[in-house]
Amino acid sequence: MLYLHWPFGHALGEPGNVAQQRTVLHDMLSLAAIAPRSGLVVDLPYRWRRENYADITDWSTPSPALVEALNQAMQEPAVATVAG
């Protein structure tokens, strides 16, 4: 799961900000392809309305921001879930 500190209802980003939306979509698809385990929460570092997003030129390579956030998430202990 990707987590962004953005306003509720704006999962992909600001309306009309195509570069931002493509960046989040790219990170989401990359995580789906490379996630080492289920239940992992990856906190992306993007800030609402304070980032510049480059065009995605290579959809087969994860973004540096995702790789760093994934590495950080892997260092945190796994949270046990309760089945009910």
Protein backbone atom coordinates (compact mmCIF):
# COMPACT_ATOMS: atom_id res chain seq x y z
CA MET A 1 0.00 0.00 0.00
CA LEU A 2 1.22 3.49 -0.79
CA TYR A 3 0.55 6.25 1.69
CA LEU A 4 0.60 9.94 0.83
CA HIS A 5 0.11 12.83 3.25
CA TRP A 6 -2.43 14.47 0.94
CA PRO A 7 -5.99 15.73 1.41
CA PHE A 8 -8.68 13.05 1.52
CA GLY A 9 -10.14 12.30 -1.89
CA HIS A 10 -7.02 13.22 -3.86
CA ALA A 11 -5.40 9.79 -4.12
CA LEU A 12 -3.55 10.57 -7.35
CA GLY A 13 -2.91 14.24 -6.72
CA GLU A 14 -4.12 17.68 -7.60
CA PRO A 15 -6.80 18.07 -10.28
CA GLY A 16 -5.15 18.90 -13.61
CA ASN A 17 -1.59 18.13 -12.43
CA VAL A 18 -0.89 15.37 -14.93
CA ALA A 19 2.81 14.99 -14.10
CA GLN A 20 1.98 14.53 -10.40
CA GLN A 21 -0.76 12.01 -11.17
CA ARG A 22 1.48 10.01 -13.51
CA THR A 23 4.24 9.95 -10.88
CA VAL A 24 1.90 8.46 -8.28
CA LEU A 25 0.50 5.98 -10.81
CA HIS A 26 4.04 4.99 -11.80
CA ASP A 27 5.00 4.44 -8.14
CA MET A 28 1.84 2.42 -7.52
CA LEU A 29 2.43 0.12 -10.50
CA SER A 30 6.12 -0.23 -9.64
CA LEU A 31 5.31 -1.22 -6.06
CA ALA A 32 2.80 -3.80 -7.31
CA ALA A 33 5.60 -5.35 -9.37
CA ILE A 34 8.40 -5.28 -6.77
CA ALA A 35 6.74 -5.45 -3.33
CA PRO A 36 8.68 -7.99 -1.27
CA ARG A 37 5.70 -8.94 0.93
CA SER A 38 2.03 -8.23 1.43
CA GLY A 39 0.83 -5.83 4.09
CA LEU A 40 3.71 -3.43 3.54
CA VAL A 41 2.89 0.28 3.94
CA VAL A 42 5.17 2.57 1.93
CA ASP A 43 5.04 6.24 2.91
CA LEU A 44 5.90 8.31 -0.16
CA PRO A 45 7.78 11.55 0.50
CA TYR A 46 5.81 13.77 -1.90
CA ARG A 47 4.41 16.98 -0.43
CA TRP A 48 1.06 18.45 -1.47
CA ARG A 49 1.57 21.36 -3.90
CA ARG A 50 5.29 21.70 -3.08
CA GLU A 51 6.90 19.36 -5.58
CA ASN A 52 7.90 19.53 -9.22
CA TYR A 53 7.34 16.28 -11.10
CA ALA A 54 9.35 15.24 -14.13
CA ASP A 55 7.81 13.37 -17.03
CA ILE A 56 8.03 9.59 -16.72
CA THR A 57 10.44 8.38 -19.41
CA ASP A 58 10.94 4.79 -18.25
CA TRP A 59 7.88 3.02 -16.87
CA SER A 60 9.87 -0.18 -16.22
CA THR A 61 12.18 1.34 -13.59
CA PRO A 62 10.91 2.36 -10.11
CA SER A 63 11.39 6.00 -9.13
CA PRO A 64 14.19 6.88 -6.70
CA ALA A 65 11.57 8.20 -4.25
CA LEU A 66 9.76 4.84 -4.26
CA VAL A 67 12.98 2.85 -3.85
CA GLU A 68 14.02 4.97 -0.86
CA ALA A 69 10.56 4.80 0.74
CA LEU A 70 10.42 1.03 0.18
CA ASN A 71 13.84 0.57 1.79
CA GLN A 72 12.71 2.60 4.79
CA ALA A 73 9.47 0.60 5.09
CA MET A 74 11.42 -2.66 5.03
CA GLN A 75 13.50 -1.51 8.02
CA GLU A 76 10.41 -0.98 10.16
CA PRO A 77 9.02 -4.00 12.04
CA ALA A 78 5.99 -5.69 10.51
CA VAL A 79 2.67 -4.98 12.22
CA ALA A 80 0.69 -8.06 13.17
CA THR A 81 -2.92 -8.11 12.04
CA VAL A 82 -5.76 -9.69 13.93
CA ALA A 83 -8.00 -12.03 11.94
CA GLY A 84 -11.61 -11.81 12.93
